[in-house]
Structure formats: structure tokens, C-alpha cells
Protein backbone atom coordinates (compact mmCIF):
# COMPACT_ATOMS: atom_id res chain seq x y z
CA MET A 1 -6.44 2.68 -27.49
CA ARG A 2 -4.01 3.00 -30.39
CA ASP A 3 -0.43 1.80 -29.99
CA GLU A 4 1.01 5.31 -30.05
CA GLN A 5 -1.41 6.42 -27.35
CA MET A 6 -0.43 3.44 -25.20
CA VAL A 7 3.26 4.23 -25.61
CA GLU A 8 2.66 7.85 -24.63
CA THR A 9 0.64 6.79 -21.60
CA MET A 10 3.44 4.51 -20.45
CA ARG A 11 6.02 7.24 -21.02
CA GLN A 12 4.06 9.64 -18.83
CA LEU A 13 3.53 6.94 -16.22
CA SER A 14 7.25 6.14 -16.03
CA LYS A 15 7.90 9.84 -15.55
CA SER A 16 5.30 10.07 -12.77
CA LEU A 17 6.40 6.98 -10.86
CA THR A 18 9.91 7.94 -9.84
CA PRO A 19 11.41 6.19 -6.76
CA ARG A 20 10.08 7.71 -3.54
CA ALA A 21 8.67 6.78 -0.14
CA LEU A 22 6.07 4.00 -0.14
CA ASP A 23 3.06 6.14 0.84
CA ASP A 24 3.98 8.74 -1.77
CA THR A 25 4.37 6.01 -4.38
CA LEU A 26 0.91 4.60 -3.67
CA ARG A 27 -0.65 8.06 -3.91
CA SER A 28 1.20 8.74 -7.16
CA ILE A 29 -0.13 5.48 -8.64
CA THR A 30 -3.79 6.31 -7.96
CA ALA A 31 -3.32 9.90 -9.11
CA ALA A 32 -1.63 8.73 -12.32
CA ALA A 33 -4.44 6.24 -12.95
CA VAL A 34 -7.04 9.01 -12.89
CA GLU A 35 -4.89 11.34 -14.97
CA LEU A 36 -3.60 8.93 -17.60
CA LEU A 37 -6.01 6.02 -18.03
CA PRO A 38 -9.10 6.45 -20.21
CA GLU A 39 -12.46 6.74 -18.43
CA VAL A 40 -10.96 6.31 -14.95
CA GLU A 41 -12.63 8.85 -12.66
CA TYR A 42 -11.59 7.49 -9.25
CA ALA A 43 -8.89 5.14 -8.01
CA SER A 44 -7.77 3.50 -4.78
CA ILE A 45 -5.57 0.62 -3.64
CA THR A 46 -6.75 -2.35 -1.60
CA VAL A 47 -4.19 -4.05 0.64
CA LEU A 48 -4.89 -7.54 1.99
CA HIS A 49 -2.74 -7.94 5.11
CA GLU A 50 -1.29 -11.15 6.51
CA ASP A 51 -4.06 -11.30 9.13
CA GLU A 52 -6.66 -11.13 6.28
CA ARG A 53 -7.57 -7.55 7.14
CA LEU A 54 -8.48 -5.45 4.07
CA GLU A 55 -7.53 -1.79 3.94
CA THR A 56 -8.07 1.02 1.43
CA VAL A 57 -5.07 3.30 0.86
CA ALA A 58 -4.42 6.31 -1.37
CA PRO A 59 -8.03 6.91 -2.49
CA THR A 60 -8.41 9.81 -4.92
CA ASP A 61 -11.86 10.68 -3.55
CA ALA A 62 -13.68 10.07 -0.26
CA VAL A 63 -16.62 8.61 -2.20
CA LEU A 64 -14.57 5.42 -2.54
CA LEU A 65 -14.29 4.68 1.17
CA PRO A 66 -17.83 3.30 1.66
CA VAL A 67 -17.72 1.65 -1.78
CA ASP A 68 -14.51 -0.23 -0.95
CA ALA A 69 -15.78 -1.01 2.56
CA ALA A 70 -18.90 -2.60 1.08
CA GLN A 71 -16.75 -4.93 -1.03
CA TYR A 72 -14.78 -6.00 2.03
CA GLU A 73 -17.94 -6.59 4.08
CA LEU A 74 -19.78 -8.46 1.33
CA ARG A 75 -16.62 -10.25 0.18
CA GLU A 76 -17.39 -9.57 -3.44
CA GLY A 77 -16.52 -6.99 -6.07
CA PRO A 78 -13.61 -6.39 -8.45
CA CYS A 79 -11.25 -4.88 -5.89
CA TYR A 80 -11.96 -7.62 -3.33
CA GLN A 81 -11.51 -10.38 -5.88
CA ALA A 82 -8.33 -8.86 -7.33
CA ALA A 83 -6.72 -8.62 -3.89
CA VAL A 84 -7.87 -12.00 -2.56
CA ASP A 85 -7.63 -14.12 -5.71
CA THR A 86 -4.58 -12.20 -7.08
CA VAL A 87 -6.05 -11.69 -10.55
CA HIS A 88 -7.11 -8.85 -12.82
CA VAL A 89 -10.90 -8.34 -12.73
CA ILE A 90 -12.77 -6.08 -15.15
CA SER A 91 -16.49 -5.28 -14.99
CA PRO A 92 -17.66 -2.88 -17.73
CA ASP A 93 -21.27 -2.93 -16.46
CA LEU A 94 -21.63 -3.62 -12.76
CA ALA A 95 -25.42 -3.46 -12.84
CA THR A 96 -25.62 -6.57 -15.03
CA ASP A 97 -22.54 -8.39 -13.72
CA GLN A 98 -23.80 -11.61 -12.18
CA ARG A 99 -20.53 -12.14 -10.30
CA PHE A 100 -21.29 -9.28 -7.89
CA PRO A 101 -25.07 -9.14 -7.32
CA ARG A 102 -25.00 -7.62 -3.82
CA TYR A 103 -22.10 -5.23 -4.34
CA ALA A 104 -23.54 -3.98 -7.67
CA ASP A 105 -26.47 -2.35 -5.85
CA VAL A 106 -24.08 -0.43 -3.58
CA ALA A 107 -21.85 0.66 -6.47
CA VAL A 108 -24.69 1.82 -8.72
CA ALA A 109 -26.25 3.75 -5.82
CA ALA A 110 -22.93 5.59 -5.46
CA GLY A 111 -22.85 6.35 -9.18
CA ILE A 112 -20.22 3.74 -10.06
CA ARG A 113 -21.18 1.86 -13.22
CA ALA A 114 -17.93 0.18 -14.29
CA GLN A 115 -14.90 -1.00 -12.37
CA ALA A 116 -11.56 -2.76 -12.75
CA GLY A 117 -9.40 -4.42 -10.12
CA LEU A 118 -5.75 -4.90 -11.10
CA LEU A 119 -3.34 -7.05 -9.12
CA LEU A 120 -0.35 -4.90 -8.11
CA PHE A 121 1.67 -7.17 -5.85
CA ASP A 122 1.47 -10.62 -4.30
CA ALA A 123 3.87 -10.72 -1.36
CA PRO A 124 4.24 -13.13 1.59
CA LYS A 125 2.80 -10.62 4.06
CA ALA A 126 0.37 -8.63 1.88
CA ASN A 127 -1.42 -8.55 -1.45
CA GLY A 128 -2.40 -5.37 -3.22
CA ALA A 129 -4.84 -4.41 -5.96
CA LEU A 130 -5.41 -1.16 -7.83
CA ASN A 131 -9.10 -0.24 -8.00
CA LEU A 132 -10.33 1.82 -10.97
CA TYR A 133 -13.84 3.28 -11.09
CA SER A 134 -15.92 4.91 -13.82
CA ARG A 135 -19.40 6.42 -13.96
CA ASN A 136 -19.77 5.25 -17.56
CA VAL A 137 -21.31 1.91 -18.52
CA GLY A 138 -18.98 0.11 -20.93
CA ALA A 139 -15.78 1.61 -19.56
CA PHE A 140 -12.76 -0.74 -19.51
CA GLU A 141 -14.19 -3.07 -22.19
CA ASP A 142 -11.01 -2.80 -24.28
CA PHE A 143 -8.62 -2.38 -21.40
CA SER A 144 -6.70 -5.61 -20.83
CA ALA A 145 -3.38 -4.75 -22.52
CA LEU A 146 -3.14 -1.26 -21.04
CA ALA A 147 -4.22 -2.52 -17.62
CA ALA A 148 -1.49 -5.14 -17.60
CA LEU A 149 1.17 -2.60 -18.59
CA PHE A 150 -0.01 -0.08 -16.00
CA ALA A 151 -0.04 -2.72 -13.28
CA HIS A 152 3.46 -3.85 -14.24
CA HIS A 153 4.91 -0.33 -14.08
CA SER A 154 3.11 0.35 -10.81
CA ALA A 155 4.37 -2.89 -9.25
CA THR A 156 7.91 -1.95 -10.21
CA ALA A 157 7.51 1.45 -8.55
CA ILE A 158 6.15 -0.22 -5.40
CA GLU A 159 9.13 -2.59 -5.31
CA TYR A 160 11.53 0.38 -5.51
CA ALA A 161 9.58 2.11 -2.74
CA ARG A 162 9.75 -0.99 -0.55
CA GLU A 163 13.51 -1.12 -0.97
CA ILE A 164 13.74 2.53 0.04
CA HIS A 165 11.42 1.88 3.00
CA ASN A 166 13.47 -1.11 4.15
CA LEU A 167 16.71 0.84 3.92
CA GLU A 168 15.25 3.78 5.83
CA GLU A 169 13.81 1.46 8.46
CA ALA A 170 17.14 -0.32 8.85
CA LEU A 171 18.90 3.02 9.27
CA ARG A 172 16.38 4.18 11.88
CA THR A 173 16.73 0.89 13.76
CA ARG A 174 20.52 1.06 13.73
CA THR A 175 20.44 4.68 14.92
CA THR A 176 18.01 3.89 17.76
CA ILE A 177 20.01 0.89 18.95
CA GLY A 178 23.17 2.99 18.84
CA GLN A 179 21.52 5.67 20.97
CA ALA A 180 20.37 3.06 23.50
CA ILE A 181 23.87 1.57 23.69
CA GLY A 182 25.27 5.02 24.40
CA ILE A 183 22.72 5.57 27.19
CA VAL A 184 23.52 2.21 28.80
CA MET A 185 27.27 2.86 28.52
CA GLU A 186 26.92 6.19 30.31
CA ARG A 187 24.40 5.01 32.89
CA TYR A 188 26.23 1.86 33.96
CA LYS A 189 29.78 2.78 32.97
CA LEU A 190 30.04 -0.16 30.59
CA PRO A 191 32.14 -0.59 27.46
CA GLU A 192 30.24 -0.75 24.17
CA HIS A 193 30.23 -4.53 23.77
CA ARG A 194 28.88 -5.08 27.29
CA ALA A 195 26.23 -2.40 26.82
CA PHE A 196 25.07 -4.19 23.66
CA ALA A 197 25.05 -7.52 25.54
CA PHE A 198 22.94 -5.88 28.26
CA LEU A 199 20.35 -4.75 25.70
CA THR A 200 20.34 -8.20 24.12
CA ARG A 201 19.61 -9.83 27.47
CA LEU A 202 16.78 -7.38 28.10
CA SER A 203 15.35 -8.26 24.70
CA GLN A 204 15.56 -11.99 25.34
CA THR A 205 14.21 -12.00 28.89
CA SER A 206 11.28 -9.73 28.01
CA ASN A 207 10.65 -11.46 24.67
CA THR A 208 10.74 -8.05 23.02
CA LYS A 209 12.55 -7.10 19.84
CA LEU A 210 15.88 -5.36 20.36
CA ARG A 211 14.64 -2.35 18.39
CA ARG A 212 11.63 -1.98 20.68
CA VAL A 213 13.75 -2.28 23.84
CA SER A 214 16.07 0.40 22.47
CA GLU A 215 13.15 2.68 21.58
CA GLU A 216 11.78 2.41 25.11
CA ILE A 217 15.13 3.32 26.66
CA VAL A 218 15.62 6.30 24.33
CA THR A 219 12.03 7.50 24.89
CA GLN A 220 12.42 7.22 28.66
CA VAL A 221 15.57 9.33 28.65
CA GLU A 222 13.97 11.93 26.36
CA ARG A 223 10.94 12.11 28.65
CA GLN A 224 13.16 12.60 31.71
CA SER A 225 15.11 15.34 29.92
CA ASN A 226 11.89 17.19 29.05
CA GLN A 227 10.82 17.09 32.69
CA LEU A 228 13.97 18.84 33.87
């Protein structure tokens, strides 16, 4: 890819990946990969969770679900290796790639002939890799520079989305706890500080997070109101 084409691709990518909710950001990344990157026909994201569970998110086509699942089961393939080993992995010809002998049969049977796995994020509780698929042998041979730039821009978008998610989650938690305090104040005729202390004791004695205790109280009251 010529320099001017790369610059234009990055300009379009930056325009596509505006700050938004996390799920929307992940979907926009895979959609942008198919739209903007040469020879990419399908894309998905693999998330490696803290408990070592692997999950496919934001696939652009249902054909990828069994293909990704095969990589997780066999523990081989570009997307598996990128997520687990936190590296970029490019395979221009899966059928002859000796790194993935078992997975190659599955991929070729599904019509996938070339694949790239790009590390997106390496966090304490989860790793993520962008999976790019092509039906053309030889795809992604001259892809390293563009892949690195795309992954960098995508990782930045994910970081923005995480910040938004954390802020929204904090706001929801604060709102729920506030509602629970109000319920306890009314039910037991307590001032605010004692109502909060009551919730804290419930949380400690039940070994349950304060947010969860508050959610249960609010849900119980809502359920009772609906029954009236």
C-alpha cells in the first residue's frame, strides 16, 4: 500500500472510531476493518478473559463463529495466538502454514485462505485480538505497517470506550445506591447516614458488594409496586 493510501485509510479510520459505548466501538472496529483494509472480507474480535475463557465478539459474519470456535478448541490459529501470546500473527497462506496444521483444515474448508491476528489490548483482566480473514491466498503479505497502525488506532478507541463505560457504570452504581438509601430511610425512618451504614452492614455480613445489595433492595421494591 502506498503512503498516501495508508494516510487516507487512517484518516477514514479516525473518523469512524469516534468515542462511543464499548460494544458499539468493537462493532465499529470490525466493520471498519472490512471496509477499509485491503483484502479483508471478514473480521471479529477475540477476548481472552481473566478465567482463560475465549469469546468472539463483534463478528461481521456468522461464518466466523465456528471458525473462531475451532481455534479456541484446538488452541491454535492466528486469532488464538494473538490473544494468548499478545502478538501480531499473519498467515498469508493457511493451507501451507506449519504453525497451524489442525486449524488450517477447518479454515480452508470454510473458504478462509489467509488470516491475520492483531493484538488490540493487553489488560490485567482481559486480552483482545482483532481477527482478519480473507478468501485469497497471499493476502496480508505486505501488511505489517498498516496492521500496526490500525491496531494502534483501534486500541485507542477501545480505551476511550472503556473510560466511558467506567463512568457510566459508576453513575449507575451511585444512582442505585442512592435509591436504596432512600428506601431504607423511608422504611425504617432513619437519617441518611444511618441508612447508608445499614446497607454497609448488610454488604459486610452477607459478603456481597454494596452495589448488589442496593440492586436487590431496589428490585424488591419495584416488584412489590408492580404487584399492587
